[in-house]
Amino acid sequence: LPDGTLLLRHDRYDNLKNPNKNIRRIHPSFRIIALAEPPSNTNPGSNESSSIKSSSEQNWLNAETLNLFLYHQMRSLNLVEERQIIYSLLSCSNQSIPAIDHLLQFVHELRNSPETQLKTVARSLSTRNVLRIAKHLKNNSSNYHTQLRDQLIRQTSAPFLPRLVQDAFYEALNKSGLEKNQEMISSNINSKQSTMDNKQLKSSFEHAAKVPFTVFYENPIHSEII
């Protein structure tokens, strides 16, 4: 350790006749667990320099790390297993919630999709994030489609995705029955006037130059407040 203390395995420590004060015994049940993804191949479209750099960064599985751990390959959860985990963490194992079932079905469709764009979005929908969305949907048994769509868009940061990925994700939402609610409040805001639900609201600023120009992203909750 940085302070000069030495950690010694329990059996080797027990064999010492006069242990030094700077030597400490490691508990027999002590274990180190490390989580990592296996090295992936480089993209075929990348140039030579970037390929060498990415391959050197991703090739963490070398002779040194191979001798440090006993390796166990963990497969991904299937739909039934993930459903059981989500429901058990929500303390509602004995009931079925349509909103959560719809969420799990949609997420697994993204993960198993052959399209690269959808798999890119699926990376942001881990089991932990799915559980976070499920907590919002737990008490909403009916008319959950709008809320589920909003939660998925928020969790994946869909408005900031590349255009091709964004279009593929919105198309997947529509195919899954999570169409955009046409009754949502629409707004258009600029420095001179604001339009909301086809109603124009005039805005006047005495010192318009002091008002910072910010990029406006449509947000249903903010639109309702405005």
Protein backbone atom coordinates (compact mmCIF):
# COMPACT_ATOMS: atom_id res chain seq x y z
CA LEU A 1 0.00 0.00 0.00
CA PRO A 2 1.14 3.66 -0.35
CA ASP A 3 1.85 3.88 3.38
CA GLY A 4 4.20 0.86 3.26
CA THR A 5 1.69 -1.63 4.68
CA LEU A 6 1.81 -5.08 3.10
CA LEU A 7 -1.34 -7.17 2.62
CA LEU A 8 -0.65 -10.89 2.88
CA ARG A 9 -2.82 -13.86 2.00
CA HIS A 10 -4.42 -15.43 5.08
CA ASP A 11 -2.59 -18.78 4.92
CA ARG A 12 0.79 -17.16 4.38
CA TYR A 13 0.11 -14.71 7.20
CA ASP A 14 -0.84 -17.57 9.56
CA ASN A 15 2.51 -19.27 8.87
CA LEU A 16 4.46 -16.24 10.04
CA LYS A 17 5.98 -16.70 13.49
CA ASN A 18 6.53 -13.02 14.24
CA PRO A 19 4.30 -10.93 12.00
CA ASN A 20 5.48 -7.39 11.40
CA LYS A 21 3.23 -4.50 12.33
CA ASN A 22 3.27 -3.36 8.74
CA ILE A 23 1.85 -6.68 7.54
CA ARG A 24 -1.91 -7.20 7.60
CA ARG A 25 -3.87 -10.38 7.08
CA ILE A 26 -6.34 -10.64 4.19
CA HIS A 27 -9.63 -12.22 5.19
CA PRO A 28 -10.20 -15.69 3.66
CA SER A 29 -13.51 -14.64 2.10
CA PHE A 30 -12.08 -11.49 0.49
CA ARG A 31 -12.62 -11.36 -3.28
CA ILE A 32 -12.16 -8.79 -6.01
CA ILE A 33 -14.85 -8.73 -8.69
CA ALA A 34 -14.25 -6.75 -11.87
CA LEU A 35 -16.79 -6.14 -14.64
CA ALA A 36 -15.73 -5.52 -18.22
CA GLU A 37 -16.88 -5.98 -21.78
CA PRO A 38 -14.82 -8.25 -24.04
CA PRO A 39 -12.64 -6.50 -26.62
CA SER A 40 -14.57 -5.72 -29.79
CA ASN A 41 -13.31 -5.54 -33.34
CA THR A 42 -12.57 -2.18 -34.90
CA ASN A 43 -14.96 -0.64 -37.37
CA PRO A 44 -14.18 -1.63 -40.95
CA GLY A 45 -14.70 1.94 -42.15
CA SER A 46 -12.13 3.53 -39.84
CA ASN A 47 -8.73 4.61 -41.12
CA GLU A 48 -5.45 2.93 -40.23
CA SER A 49 -4.36 5.32 -37.47
CA SER A 50 -7.70 5.26 -35.69
CA SER A 51 -7.84 1.47 -36.04
CA ILE A 52 -4.46 1.07 -34.37
CA LYS A 53 -5.46 3.45 -31.58
CA SER A 54 -8.83 1.86 -30.92
CA SER A 55 -7.43 -1.66 -31.04
CA SER A 56 -4.72 -0.78 -28.52
CA GLU A 57 -7.29 0.83 -26.21
CA GLN A 58 -9.77 -2.03 -26.42
CA ASN A 59 -7.27 -4.88 -26.19
CA TRP A 60 -7.22 -4.95 -22.41
CA LEU A 61 -7.33 -8.76 -22.33
CA ASN A 62 -3.60 -9.49 -22.27
CA ALA A 63 -1.25 -11.87 -20.48
CA GLU A 64 -1.17 -9.75 -17.32
CA THR A 65 -4.92 -9.51 -16.83
CA LEU A 66 -5.45 -13.16 -17.75
CA ASN A 67 -3.46 -14.21 -14.68
CA LEU A 68 -5.29 -11.86 -12.31
CA PHE A 69 -8.80 -13.29 -12.38
CA LEU A 70 -10.91 -16.36 -12.91
CA TYR A 71 -13.18 -15.44 -15.80
CA HIS A 72 -16.91 -16.04 -16.05
CA GLN A 73 -18.78 -15.01 -19.17
CA MET A 74 -22.20 -13.58 -18.33
CA ARG A 75 -24.85 -13.78 -21.01
CA SER A 76 -27.52 -11.14 -21.44
CA LEU A 77 -30.85 -11.53 -19.67
CA ASN A 78 -33.75 -12.74 -21.75
CA LEU A 79 -37.21 -11.23 -21.56
CA VAL A 80 -38.54 -13.62 -18.91
CA GLU A 81 -35.53 -13.19 -16.62
CA GLU A 82 -35.47 -9.41 -16.88
CA ARG A 83 -39.21 -9.27 -16.30
CA GLN A 84 -38.82 -11.32 -13.13
CA ILE A 85 -36.09 -9.01 -11.85
CA ILE A 86 -38.05 -5.83 -12.59
CA TYR A 87 -41.24 -7.09 -10.97
CA SER A 88 -39.41 -8.39 -7.90
CA LEU A 89 -37.65 -5.05 -7.38
CA LEU A 90 -41.00 -3.28 -7.70
CA SER A 91 -42.53 -5.65 -5.11
CA CYS A 92 -45.33 -6.67 -7.45
CA SER A 93 -44.33 -10.17 -8.52
CA ASN A 94 -47.87 -11.49 -8.29
CA GLN A 95 -49.42 -9.10 -10.79
CA SER A 96 -48.96 -8.06 -14.39
CA ILE A 97 -48.75 -4.39 -15.36
CA PRO A 98 -49.43 -3.76 -19.08
CA ALA A 99 -47.23 -0.66 -19.20
CA ILE A 100 -44.19 -2.49 -17.84
CA ASP A 101 -44.79 -5.50 -20.09
CA HIS A 102 -44.99 -3.16 -23.08
CA LEU A 103 -41.76 -1.47 -21.98
CA LEU A 104 -39.86 -4.75 -21.65
CA GLN A 105 -41.16 -6.04 -24.96
CA PHE A 106 -40.09 -2.87 -26.76
CA VAL A 107 -36.64 -2.82 -25.15
CA HIS A 108 -35.93 -6.42 -26.14
CA GLU A 109 -37.09 -5.71 -29.68
CA LEU A 110 -34.48 -2.96 -29.86
CA ARG A 111 -31.75 -5.18 -28.44
CA ASN A 112 -32.50 -8.02 -30.85
CA SER A 113 -33.00 -5.79 -33.87
CA PRO A 114 -30.71 -6.37 -36.88
CA GLU A 115 -30.53 -2.60 -37.47
CA THR A 116 -27.40 -0.92 -36.17
CA GLN A 117 -29.25 2.31 -35.40
CA LEU A 118 -31.68 0.60 -33.03
CA LYS A 119 -28.92 -1.33 -31.30
CA THR A 120 -27.19 1.98 -30.69
CA VAL A 121 -30.27 3.29 -28.90
CA ALA A 122 -30.69 0.04 -26.96
CA ARG A 123 -27.34 0.58 -25.24
CA SER A 124 -28.87 3.41 -23.20
CA LEU A 125 -31.74 1.16 -22.07
CA SER A 126 -29.94 -1.04 -19.58
CA THR A 127 -31.78 -3.03 -16.93
CA ARG A 128 -31.14 -0.25 -14.42
CA ASN A 129 -32.63 2.37 -16.73
CA VAL A 130 -35.56 0.09 -17.55
CA LEU A 131 -36.21 -0.21 -13.81
CA ARG A 132 -36.14 3.58 -13.50
CA ILE A 133 -38.79 3.89 -16.21
CA ALA A 134 -40.84 1.07 -14.71
CA LYS A 135 -41.06 2.92 -11.38
CA HIS A 136 -42.79 5.80 -13.17
CA LEU A 137 -45.21 3.40 -14.87
CA LYS A 138 -46.00 1.24 -11.85
CA ASN A 139 -49.21 3.03 -10.88
CA ASN A 140 -50.34 3.80 -14.42
CA SER A 141 -52.25 0.74 -15.61
CA SER A 142 -54.21 2.41 -18.43
CA ASN A 143 -53.53 5.18 -20.95
CA TYR A 144 -49.83 4.77 -20.38
CA HIS A 145 -48.71 5.09 -24.01
CA THR A 146 -47.92 8.81 -23.94
CA GLN A 147 -46.06 8.58 -20.64
CA LEU A 148 -44.09 5.53 -21.79
CA ARG A 149 -43.12 7.24 -25.03
CA ASP A 150 -41.98 10.36 -23.17
CA GLN A 151 -39.94 8.31 -20.71
CA LEU A 152 -38.22 6.37 -23.49
CA ILE A 153 -37.42 9.55 -25.40
CA ARG A 154 -36.05 11.18 -22.26
CA GLN A 155 -33.98 8.15 -21.26
CA THR A 156 -32.42 7.77 -24.70
CA SER A 157 -31.96 11.53 -25.25
CA ALA A 158 -33.67 11.03 -28.60
CA PRO A 159 -33.79 14.75 -29.58
CA PHE A 160 -29.97 14.80 -29.53
CA LEU A 161 -29.38 11.57 -31.48
CA PRO A 162 -28.08 11.62 -35.06
CA ARG A 163 -30.84 12.04 -37.60
CA LEU A 164 -30.73 8.48 -38.98
CA VAL A 165 -30.71 6.95 -35.49
CA GLN A 166 -33.47 9.31 -34.37
CA ASP A 167 -35.71 8.46 -37.34
CA ALA A 168 -35.21 4.72 -36.81
CA PHE A 169 -36.04 5.05 -33.11
CA TYR A 170 -39.21 7.08 -33.69
CA GLU A 171 -40.30 4.59 -36.34
CA ALA A 172 -39.78 1.74 -33.87
CA LEU A 173 -41.87 3.61 -31.30
CA ASN A 174 -44.71 4.03 -33.79
CA LYS A 175 -44.60 0.37 -34.83
CA SER A 176 -44.78 -0.63 -31.17
CA GLY A 177 -48.01 1.33 -30.68
CA LEU A 178 -46.37 4.31 -28.99
CA GLU A 179 -47.44 6.97 -31.46
CA LYS A 180 -47.04 10.65 -30.75
CA ASN A 181 -50.02 12.16 -28.97
CA GLN A 182 -51.60 14.66 -31.33
CA GLU A 183 -53.21 16.48 -28.40
CA MET A 184 -49.88 17.53 -26.97
CA ILE A 185 -49.36 21.26 -26.66
CA SER A 186 -47.30 22.64 -29.51
CA SER A 187 -45.44 25.89 -29.22
CA ASN A 188 -43.21 28.15 -31.25
CA ILE A 189 -41.22 30.73 -29.35
CA ASN A 190 -39.07 33.56 -30.66
CA SER A 191 -38.00 36.99 -29.47
CA LYS A 192 -41.01 38.83 -30.91
CA GLN A 193 -43.99 36.57 -30.36
CA SER A 194 -44.95 33.14 -29.06
CA THR A 195 -47.39 30.75 -30.67
CA MET A 196 -49.07 28.10 -28.56
CA ASP A 197 -52.04 26.01 -29.69
CA ASN A 198 -52.57 28.38 -32.64
CA LYS A 199 -52.77 31.34 -30.25
CA GLN A 200 -50.30 34.14 -30.76
CA LEU A 201 -48.93 35.84 -27.68
CA LYS A 202 -47.00 39.05 -28.25
CA SER A 203 -43.77 39.41 -26.34
CA SER A 204 -42.09 42.76 -25.87
CA PHE A 205 -38.64 43.27 -24.46
CA GLU A 206 -37.40 46.75 -23.64
CA HIS A 207 -33.82 45.52 -23.68
CA ALA A 208 -33.89 42.68 -26.18
CA ALA A 209 -30.12 42.70 -26.59
CA LYS A 210 -29.73 41.60 -22.97
CA VAL A 211 -31.85 38.48 -23.46
CA PRO A 212 -29.55 35.53 -24.24
CA PHE A 213 -30.31 33.48 -27.33
CA THR A 214 -30.84 29.86 -26.36
CA VAL A 215 -31.72 26.82 -28.39
CA PHE A 216 -35.29 25.74 -27.65
CA TYR A 217 -36.20 22.05 -27.54
CA GLU A 218 -39.81 20.99 -27.41
CA ASN A 219 -40.72 19.77 -23.94
CA PRO A 220 -44.40 19.00 -23.19
CA ILE A 221 -44.10 19.76 -19.48
CA HIS A 222 -42.42 23.12 -20.10
CA SER A 223 -44.99 23.97 -22.75
CA GLU A 224 -47.82 23.36 -20.27
CA ILE A 225 -46.12 25.62 -17.72
CA ILE A 226 -45.62 28.36 -20.31
